[in-house]
Amino acid sequence: MKFSPLIVLAALSVGTAAFAQDPARPAPTPEMQAAREAVMKSCATDRQTLCAGKEGRDAMQCMRDNADKLSAPCKDAMVKARAARQAAAPN
């Protein structure tokens, strides 16, 4: 099954909206939003190849479990997303 970038971005938007509504978590920063979009774009092929059929947290866990097999652009995007998440975390 092939996912178009538009479907992936739409799913990300819905997930982000639900995430932002959780009162226990602050709304994602613009930097975090950009980092998530970069991961979705850079890792689309890796996700299809390594984690076909997995969604949401299962897909991200699969990507982490296969970190040694990810493409360089995907690895870079994931490192930047982790840094953005840590920068946005309350101290």
PDB file of N, CA and C in Angstrom:
ATOM      1  N   MET A   1       0.853  -1.177   0.000  1.00  0.00           N
ATOM      2  CA  MET A   1       0.000   0.000   0.000  1.00  0.00           C
ATOM      3  C   MET A   1       0.895   1.234   0.000  1.00  0.00           C
ATOM      4  N   LYS A   2       0.592   2.158  -0.865  1.00  0.00           N
ATOM      5  CA  LYS A   2       1.404   3.364  -0.994  1.00  0.00           C
ATOM      6  C   LYS A   2       0.656   4.550  -0.393  1.00  0.00           C
ATOM      7  N   PHE A   3       1.325   5.280   0.503  1.00  0.00           N
ATOM      8  CA  PHE A   3       0.731   6.455   1.135  1.00  0.00           C
ATOM      9  C   PHE A   3       1.219   7.693   0.402  1.00  0.00           C
ATOM     10  N   SER A   4       0.274   8.540   0.048  1.00  0.00           N
ATOM     11  CA  SER A   4       0.684   9.792  -0.570  1.00  0.00           C
ATOM     12  C   SER A   4       1.101  10.764   0.517  1.00  0.00           C
ATOM     13  N   PRO A   5       2.004  11.677   0.198  1.00  0.00           N
ATOM     14  CA  PRO A   5       2.429  12.662   1.198  1.00  0.00           C
ATOM     15  C   PRO A   5       1.257  13.462   1.762  1.00  0.00           C
ATOM     16  N   LEU A   6       0.244  13.700   0.947  1.00  0.00           N
ATOM     17  CA  LEU A   6      -0.915  14.463   1.413  1.00  0.00           C
ATOM     18  C   LEU A   6      -1.655  13.712   2.511  1.00  0.00           C
ATOM     19  N   ILE A   7      -1.815  12.407   2.357  1.00  0.00           N
ATOM     20  CA  ILE A   7      -2.490  11.602   3.376  1.00  0.00           C
ATOM     21  C   ILE A   7      -1.664  11.589   4.655  1.00  0.00           C
ATOM     22  N   VAL A   8      -0.354  11.446   4.515  1.00  0.00           N
ATOM     23  CA  VAL A   8       0.527  11.422   5.680  1.00  0.00           C
ATOM     24  C   VAL A   8       0.446  12.748   6.424  1.00  0.00           C
ATOM     25  N   LEU A   9       0.493  13.861   5.697  1.00  0.00           N
ATOM     26  CA  LEU A   9       0.417  15.167   6.342  1.00  0.00           C
ATOM     27  C   LEU A   9      -0.952  15.395   6.988  1.00  0.00           C
ATOM     28  N   ALA A  10      -2.019  14.902   6.348  1.00  0.00           N
ATOM     29  CA  ALA A  10      -3.348  15.041   6.932  1.00  0.00           C
ATOM     30  C   ALA A  10      -3.431  14.257   8.238  1.00  0.00           C
ATOM     31  N   ALA A  11      -2.891  13.058   8.234  1.00  0.00           N
ATOM     32  CA  ALA A  11      -2.893  12.250   9.457  1.00  0.00           C
ATOM     33  C   ALA A  11      -2.066  12.926  10.545  1.00  0.00           C
ATOM     34  N   LEU A  12      -0.937  13.490  10.153  1.00  0.00           N
ATOM     35  CA  LEU A  12      -0.095  14.192  11.114  1.00  0.00           C
ATOM     36  C   LEU A  12      -0.836  15.390  11.695  1.00  0.00           C
ATOM     37  N   SER A  13      -1.581  16.107  10.862  1.00  0.00           N
ATOM     38  CA  SER A  13      -2.333  17.269  11.334  1.00  0.00           C
ATOM     39  C   SER A  13      -3.394  16.866  12.340  1.00  0.00           C
ATOM     40  N   VAL A  14      -4.101  15.788  12.070  1.00  0.00           N
ATOM     41  CA  VAL A  14      -5.130  15.309  12.993  1.00  0.00           C
ATOM     42  C   VAL A  14      -4.481  14.873  14.299  1.00  0.00           C
ATOM     43  N   GLY A  15      -3.394  14.130  14.214  1.00  0.00           N
ATOM     44  CA  GLY A  15      -2.693  13.685  15.414  1.00  0.00           C
ATOM     45  C   GLY A  15      -2.149  14.849  16.209  1.00  0.00           C
ATOM     46  N   THR A  16      -1.650  15.859  15.520  1.00  0.00           N
ATOM     47  CA  THR A  16      -1.117  17.030  16.200  1.00  0.00           C
ATOM     48  C   THR A  16      -2.229  17.800  16.886  1.00  0.00           C
ATOM     49  N   ALA A  17      -3.391  17.898  16.258  1.00  0.00           N
ATOM     50  CA  ALA A  17      -4.513  18.603  16.876  1.00  0.00           C
ATOM     51  C   ALA A  17      -4.951  17.887  18.148  1.00  0.00           C
ATOM     52  N   ALA A  18      -5.012  16.571  18.096  1.00  0.00           N
ATOM     53  CA  ALA A  18      -5.388  15.810  19.290  1.00  0.00           C
ATOM     54  C   ALA A  18      -4.324  15.964  20.368  1.00  0.00           C
ATOM     55  N   PHE A  19      -3.086  15.953  19.985  1.00  0.00           N
ATOM     56  CA  PHE A  19      -1.980  16.106  20.924  1.00  0.00           C
ATOM     57  C   PHE A  19      -2.059  17.466  21.607  1.00  0.00           C
ATOM     58  N   ALA A  20      -2.350  18.507  20.838  1.00  0.00           N
ATOM     59  CA  ALA A  20      -2.399  19.860  21.390  1.00  0.00           C
ATOM     60  C   ALA A  20      -3.563  20.029  22.362  1.00  0.00           C
ATOM     61  N   GLN A  21      -4.601  19.209  22.256  1.00  0.00           N
ATOM     62  CA  GLN A  21      -5.752  19.335  23.123  1.00  0.00           C
ATOM     63  C   GLN A  21      -5.564  18.629  24.460  1.00  0.00           C
ATOM     64  N   ASP A  22      -4.534  17.845  24.593  1.00  0.00           N
ATOM     65  CA  ASP A  22      -4.280  17.141  25.845  1.00  0.00           C
ATOM     66  C   ASP A  22      -3.812  18.155  26.876  1.00  0.00           C
ATOM     67  N   PRO A  23      -4.575  18.374  27.949  1.00  0.00           N
ATOM     68  CA  PRO A  23      -4.198  19.401  28.921  1.00  0.00           C
ATOM     69  C   PRO A  23      -2.902  19.086  29.672  1.00  0.00           C
ATOM     70  N   ALA A  24      -2.484  17.836  29.663  1.00  0.00           N
ATOM     71  CA  ALA A  24      -1.255  17.470  30.366  1.00  0.00           C
ATOM     72  C   ALA A  24      -0.007  17.816  29.549  1.00  0.00           C
ATOM     73  N   ARG A  25      -0.187  18.106  28.291  1.00  0.00           N
ATOM     74  CA  ARG A  25       0.945  18.425  27.421  1.00  0.00           C
ATOM     75  C   ARG A  25       0.759  19.806  26.800  1.00  0.00           C
ATOM     76  N   PRO A  26       1.820  20.583  26.746  1.00  0.00           N
ATOM     77  CA  PRO A  26       1.704  21.888  26.095  1.00  0.00           C
ATOM     78  C   PRO A  26       1.607  21.712  24.577  1.00  0.00           C
ATOM     79  N   ALA A  27       1.097  22.732  23.917  1.00  0.00           N
ATOM     80  CA  ALA A  27       1.010  22.699  22.461  1.00  0.00           C
ATOM     81  C   ALA A  27       2.416  22.625  21.869  1.00  0.00           C
ATOM     82  N   PRO A  28       2.586  21.894  20.769  1.00  0.00           N
ATOM     83  CA  PRO A  28       3.905  21.798  20.155  1.00  0.00           C
ATOM     84  C   PRO A  28       4.389  23.168  19.665  1.00  0.00           C
ATOM     85  N   THR A  29       5.661  23.408  19.814  1.00  0.00           N
ATOM     86  CA  THR A  29       6.248  24.656  19.340  1.00  0.00           C
ATOM     87  C   THR A  29       6.338  24.627  17.820  1.00  0.00           C
ATOM     88  N   PRO A  30       6.486  25.769  17.184  1.00  0.00           N
ATOM     89  CA  PRO A  30       6.676  25.775  15.729  1.00  0.00           C
ATOM     90  C   PRO A  30       7.903  24.952  15.314  1.00  0.00           C
ATOM     91  N   GLU A  31       8.945  24.969  16.140  1.00  0.00           N
ATOM     92  CA  GLU A  31      10.141  24.190  15.835  1.00  0.00           C
ATOM     93  C   GLU A  31       9.841  22.693  15.873  1.00  0.00           C
ATOM     94  N   MET A  32       9.035  22.289  16.853  1.00  0.00           N
ATOM     95  CA  MET A  32       8.659  20.878  16.959  1.00  0.00           C
ATOM     96  C   MET A  32       7.782  20.471  15.794  1.00  0.00           C
ATOM     97  N   GLN A  33       6.858  21.336  15.402  1.00  0.00           N
ATOM     98  CA  GLN A  33       6.008  21.059  14.237  1.00  0.00           C
ATOM     99  C   GLN A  33       6.867  20.866  12.987  1.00  0.00           C
ATOM    100  N   ALA A  34       7.819  21.773  12.788  1.00  0.00           N
ATOM    101  CA  ALA A  34       8.701  21.683  11.620  1.00  0.00           C
ATOM    102  C   ALA A  34       9.535  20.411  11.664  1.00  0.00           C
ATOM    103  N   ALA A  35      10.002  20.048  12.852  1.00  0.00           N
ATOM    104  CA  ALA A  35      10.806  18.832  12.998  1.00  0.00           C
ATOM    105  C   ALA A  35       9.969  17.598  12.676  1.00  0.00           C
ATOM    106  N   ARG A  36       8.732  17.565  13.111  1.00  0.00           N
ATOM    107  CA  ARG A  36       7.850  16.427  12.808  1.00  0.00           C
ATOM    108  C   ARG A  36       7.603  16.309  11.314  1.00  0.00           C
ATOM    109  N   GLU A  37       7.358  17.439  10.670  1.00  0.00           N
ATOM    110  CA  GLU A  37       7.127  17.421   9.227  1.00  0.00           C
ATOM    111  C   GLU A  37       8.377  16.940   8.491  1.00  0.00           C
ATOM    112  N   ALA A  38       9.544  17.350   8.959  1.00  0.00           N
ATOM    113  CA  ALA A  38      10.794  16.911   8.336  1.00  0.00           C
ATOM    114  C   ALA A  38      10.975  15.403   8.489  1.00  0.00           C
ATOM    115  N   VAL A  39      10.614  14.860   9.649  1.00  0.00           N
ATOM    116  CA  VAL A  39      10.707  13.414   9.850  1.00  0.00           C
ATOM    117  C   VAL A  39       9.748  12.699   8.909  1.00  0.00           C
ATOM    118  N   MET A  40       8.516  13.175   8.819  1.00  0.00           N
ATOM    119  CA  MET A  40       7.532  12.536   7.941  1.00  0.00           C
ATOM    120  C   MET A  40       8.019  12.525   6.490  1.00  0.00           C
ATOM    121  N   LYS A  41       8.591  13.637   6.057  1.00  0.00           N
ATOM    122  CA  LYS A  41       9.060  13.738   4.681  1.00  0.00           C
ATOM    123  C   LYS A  41      10.322  12.902   4.460  1.00  0.00           C
ATOM    124  N   SER A  42      11.283  13.037   5.336  1.00  0.00           N
ATOM    125  CA  SER A  42      12.577  12.364   5.160  1.00  0.00           C
ATOM    126  C   SER A  42      12.508  10.860   5.381  1.00  0.00           C
ATOM    127  N   CYS A  43      11.558  10.424   6.183  1.00  0.00           N
ATOM    128  CA  CYS A  43      11.501   9.005   6.557  1.00  0.00           C
ATOM    129  C   CYS A  43      10.385   8.226   5.869  1.00  0.00           C
ATOM    130  N   ALA A  44       9.672   8.839   4.941  1.00  0.00           N
ATOM    131  CA  ALA A  44       8.528   8.164   4.315  1.00  0.00           C
ATOM    132  C   ALA A  44       8.935   6.845   3.664  1.00  0.00           C
ATOM    133  N   THR A  45       9.994   6.849   2.904  1.00  0.00           N
ATOM    134  CA  THR A  45      10.438   5.624   2.221  1.00  0.00           C
ATOM    135  C   THR A  45      10.932   4.596   3.224  1.00  0.00           C
ATOM    136  N   ASP A  46      11.696   5.044   4.212  1.00  0.00           N
ATOM    137  CA  ASP A  46      12.203   4.133   5.243  1.00  0.00           C
ATOM    138  C   ASP A  46      11.037   3.473   5.986  1.00  0.00           C
ATOM    139  N   ARG A  47      10.041   4.260   6.293  1.00  0.00           N
ATOM    140  CA  ARG A  47       8.889   3.733   7.034  1.00  0.00           C
ATOM    141  C   ARG A  47       8.154   2.687   6.208  1.00  0.00           C
ATOM    142  N   GLN A  48       7.969   2.958   4.920  1.00  0.00           N
ATOM    143  CA  GLN A  48       7.293   1.992   4.052  1.00  0.00           C
ATOM    144  C   GLN A  48       8.096   0.701   3.937  1.00  0.00           C
ATOM    145  N   THR A  49       9.398   0.840   3.851  1.00  0.00           N
ATOM    146  CA  THR A  49      10.259  -0.322   3.678  1.00  0.00           C
ATOM    147  C   THR A  49      10.406  -1.129   4.959  1.00  0.00           C
ATOM    148  N   LEU A  50      10.663  -0.460   6.066  1.00  0.00           N
ATOM    149  CA  LEU A  50      10.993  -1.143   7.313  1.00  0.00           C
ATOM    150  C   LEU A  50       9.795  -1.397   8.232  1.00  0.00           C
ATOM    151  N   CYS A  51       8.767  -0.565   8.121  1.00  0.00           N
ATOM    152  CA  CYS A  51       7.674  -0.625   9.105  1.00  0.00           C
ATOM    153  C   CYS A  51       6.298  -0.631   8.449  1.00  0.00           C
ATOM    154  N   ALA A  52       6.192  -1.285   7.316  1.00  0.00           N
ATOM    155  CA  ALA A  52       4.925  -1.326   6.587  1.00  0.00           C
ATOM    156  C   ALA A  52       3.815  -1.865   7.490  1.00  0.00           C
ATOM    157  N   GLY A  53       2.670  -1.220   7.440  1.00  0.00           N
ATOM    158  CA  GLY A  53       1.517  -1.669   8.198  1.00  0.00           C
ATOM    159  C   GLY A  53       1.448  -1.151   9.627  1.00  0.00           C
ATOM    160  N   LYS A  54       2.465  -0.444  10.076  1.00  0.00           N
ATOM    161  CA  LYS A  54       2.460   0.080  11.439  1.00  0.00           C
ATOM    162  C   LYS A  54       2.067   1.548  11.405  1.00  0.00           C
ATOM    163  N   GLU A  55       1.367   1.971  12.431  1.00  0.00           N
ATOM    164  CA  GLU A  55       0.892   3.351  12.512  1.00  0.00           C
ATOM    165  C   GLU A  55       1.247   3.954  13.864  1.00  0.00           C
ATOM    166  N   GLY A  56       1.254   5.269  13.919  1.00  0.00           N
ATOM    167  CA  GLY A  56       1.416   6.003  15.175  1.00  0.00           C
ATOM    168  C   GLY A  56       2.653   5.612  15.961  1.00  0.00           C
ATOM    169  N   ARG A  57       2.450   5.342  17.239  1.00  0.00           N
ATOM    170  CA  ARG A  57       3.565   5.019  18.131  1.00  0.00           C
ATOM    171  C   ARG A  57       4.264   3.723  17.710  1.00  0.00           C
ATOM    172  N   ASP A  58       3.494   2.762  17.212  1.00  0.00           N
ATOM    173  CA  ASP A  58       4.104   1.508  16.753  1.00  0.00           C
ATOM    174  C   ASP A  58       5.071   1.771  15.604  1.00  0.00           C
ATOM    175  N   ALA A  59       4.701   2.672  14.704  1.00  0.00           N
ATOM    176  CA  ALA A  59       5.578   3.006  13.584  1.00  0.00           C
ATOM    177  C   ALA A  59       6.843   3.701  14.068  1.00  0.00           C
ATOM    178  N   MET A  60       6.692   4.637  15.014  1.00  0.00           N
ATOM    179  CA  MET A  60       7.879   5.333  15.521  1.00  0.00           C
ATOM    180  C   MET A  60       8.786   4.379  16.300  1.00  0.00           C
ATOM    181  N   GLN A  61       8.197   3.458  17.050  1.00  0.00           N
ATOM    182  CA  GLN A  61       9.015   2.475  17.767  1.00  0.00           C
ATOM    183  C   GLN A  61       9.743   1.577  16.772  1.00  0.00           C
ATOM    184  N   CYS A  62       9.071   1.200  15.716  1.00  0.00           N
ATOM    185  CA  CYS A  62       9.695   0.396  14.674  1.00  0.00           C
ATOM    186  C   CYS A  62      10.871   1.145  14.050  1.00  0.00           C
ATOM    187  N   MET A  63      10.685   2.430  13.798  1.00  0.00           N
ATOM    188  CA  MET A  63      11.765   3.238  13.220  1.00  0.00           C
ATOM    189  C   MET A  63      12.953   3.289  14.183  1.00  0.00           C
ATOM    190  N   ARG A  64      12.686   3.471  15.473  1.00  0.00           N
ATOM    191  CA  ARG A  64      13.771   3.491  16.466  1.00  0.00           C
ATOM    192  C   ARG A  64      14.461   2.133  16.543  1.00  0.00           C
ATOM    193  N   ASP A  65      13.673   1.054  16.486  1.00  0.00           N
ATOM    194  CA  ASP A  65      14.246  -0.294  16.546  1.00  0.00           C
ATOM    195  C   ASP A  65      15.132  -0.597  15.339  1.00  0.00           C
ATOM    196  N   ASN A  66      14.862   0.069  14.226  1.00  0.00           N
ATOM    197  CA  ASN A  66      15.622  -0.147  12.999  1.00  0.00           C
ATOM    198  C   ASN A  66      16.542   1.029  12.682  1.00  0.00           C
ATOM    199  N   ALA A  67      16.971   1.761  13.690  1.00  0.00           N
ATOM    200  CA  ALA A  67      17.770   2.974  13.494  1.00  0.00           C
ATOM    201  C   ALA A  67      19.014   2.718  12.657  1.00  0.00           C
ATOM    202  N   ASP A  68      19.618   1.551  12.802  1.00  0.00           N
ATOM    203  CA  ASP A  68      20.833   1.252  12.052  1.00  0.00           C
ATOM    204  C   ASP A  68      20.565   1.048  10.562  1.00  0.00           C
ATOM    205  N   LYS A  69      19.305   0.860  10.176  1.00  0.00           N
ATOM    206  CA  LYS A  69      18.952   0.621   8.779  1.00  0.00           C
ATOM    207  C   LYS A  69      18.369   1.859   8.087  1.00  0.00           C
ATOM    208  N   LEU A  70      18.179   2.942   8.834  1.00  0.00           N
ATOM    209  CA  LEU A  70      17.566   4.149   8.269  1.00  0.00           C
ATOM    210  C   LEU A  70      18.526   4.868   7.324  1.00  0.00           C
ATOM    211  N   SER A  71      17.943   5.571   6.365  1.00  0.00           N
ATOM    212  CA  SER A  71      18.745   6.390   5.459  1.00  0.00           C
ATOM    213  C   SER A  71      19.333   7.574   6.222  1.00  0.00           C
ATOM    214  N   ALA A  72      20.396   8.139   5.687  1.00  0.00           N
ATOM    215  CA  ALA A  72      21.051   9.280   6.340  1.00  0.00           C
ATOM    216  C   ALA A  72      20.096  10.468   6.527  1.00  0.00           C
ATOM    217  N   PRO A  73      19.296  10.848   5.523  1.00  0.00           N
ATOM    218  CA  PRO A  73      18.379  11.980   5.739  1.00  0.00           C
ATOM    219  C   PRO A  73      17.349  11.700   6.837  1.00  0.00           C
ATOM    220  N   CYS A  74      16.888  10.468   6.926  1.00  0.00           N
ATOM    221  CA  CYS A  74      15.917  10.112   7.960  1.00  0.00           C
ATOM    222  C   CYS A  74      16.572  10.168   9.346  1.00  0.00           C
ATOM    223  N   LYS A  75      17.767   9.607   9.468  1.00  0.00           N
ATOM    224  CA  LYS A  75      18.483   9.650  10.748  1.00  0.00           C
ATOM    225  C   LYS A  75      18.688  11.094  11.191  1.00  0.00           C
ATOM    226  N   ASP A  76      19.098  11.950  10.259  1.00  0.00           N
ATOM    227  CA  ASP A  76      19.336  13.358  10.575  1.00  0.00           C
ATOM    228  C   ASP A  76      18.050  14.039  11.047  1.00  0.00           C
ATOM    229  N   ALA A  77      16.950  13.784  10.353  1.00  0.00           N
ATOM    230  CA  ALA A  77      15.670  14.390  10.728  1.00  0.00           C
ATOM    231  C   ALA A  77      15.219  13.913  12.106  1.00  0.00           C
ATOM    232  N   MET A  78      15.444  12.644  12.406  1.00  0.00           N
ATOM    233  CA  MET A  78      15.044  12.122  13.719  1.00  0.00           C
ATOM    234  C   MET A  78      15.894  12.714  14.838  1.00  0.00           C
ATOM    235  N   VAL A  79      17.186  12.912  14.589  1.00  0.00           N
ATOM    236  CA  VAL A  79      18.061  13.539  15.588  1.00  0.00           C
ATOM    237  C   VAL A  79      17.599  14.973  15.851  1.00  0.00           C
ATOM    238  N   LYS A  80      17.278  15.700  14.781  1.00  0.00           N
ATOM    239  CA  LYS A  80      16.814  17.081  14.935  1.00  0.00           C
ATOM    240  C   LYS A  80      15.469  17.142  15.658  1.00  0.00           C
ATOM    241  N   ALA A  81      14.580  16.186  15.389  1.00  0.00           N
ATOM    242  CA  ALA A  81      13.284  16.153  16.079  1.00  0.00           C
ATOM    243  C   ALA A  81      13.483  15.870  17.563  1.00  0.00           C
ATOM    244  N   ARG A  82      14.388  14.971  17.888  1.00  0.00           N
ATOM    245  CA  ARG A  82      14.669  14.665  19.298  1.00  0.00           C
ATOM    246  C   ARG A  82      15.200  15.912  20.004  1.00  0.00           C
ATOM    247  N   ALA A  83      16.095  16.642  19.334  1.00  0.00           N
ATOM    248  CA  ALA A  83      16.656  17.863  19.921  1.00  0.00           C
ATOM    249  C   ALA A  83      15.564  18.919  20.119  1.00  0.00           C
ATOM    250  N   ALA A  84      14.662  19.058  19.159  1.00  0.00           N
ATOM    251  CA  ALA A  84      13.563  20.021  19.277  1.00  0.00           C
ATOM    252  C   ALA A  84      12.635  19.629  20.421  1.00  0.00           C
ATOM    253  N   ARG A  85      12.374  18.327  20.575  1.00  0.00           N
ATOM    254  CA  ARG A  85      11.523  17.849  21.662  1.00  0.00           C
ATOM    255  C   ARG A  85      12.166  18.133  23.016  1.00  0.00           C
ATOM    256  N   GLN A  86      13.470  17.898  23.118  1.00  0.00           N
ATOM    257  CA  GLN A  86      14.168  18.152  24.377  1.00  0.00           C
ATOM    258  C   GLN A  86      14.220  19.647  24.696  1.00  0.00           C
ATOM    259  N   ALA A  87      14.369  20.472  23.672  1.00  0.00           N
ATOM    260  CA  ALA A  87      14.421  21.922  23.881  1.00  0.00           C
ATOM    261  C   ALA A  87      13.055  22.438  24.340  1.00  0.00           C
ATOM    262  N   ALA A  88      11.973  21.797  23.887  1.00  0.00           N
ATOM    263  CA  ALA A  88      10.636  22.242  24.237  1.00  0.00           C
ATOM    264  C   ALA A  88      10.160  21.681  25.571  1.00  0.00           C
ATOM    265  N   ALA A  89      10.849  20.676  26.087  1.00  0.00           N
ATOM    266  CA  ALA A  89      10.432  20.029  27.344  1.00  0.00           C
ATOM    267  C   ALA A  89      10.641  20.978  28.516  1.00  0.00           C
ATOM    268  N   PRO A  90       9.653  21.003  29.421  1.00  0.00           N
ATOM    269  CA  PRO A  90       9.808  21.851  30.610  1.00  0.00           C
ATOM    270  C   PRO A  90      10.935  21.293  31.491  1.00  0.00           C
ATOM    271  N   ASN A  91      11.676  22.184  32.094  1.00  0.00           N
ATOM    272  CA  ASN A  91      12.808  21.758  32.944  1.00  0.00           C
ATOM    273  C   ASN A  91      12.423  21.620  34.379  1.00  0.00           C
TER     274      ASN A  91
END
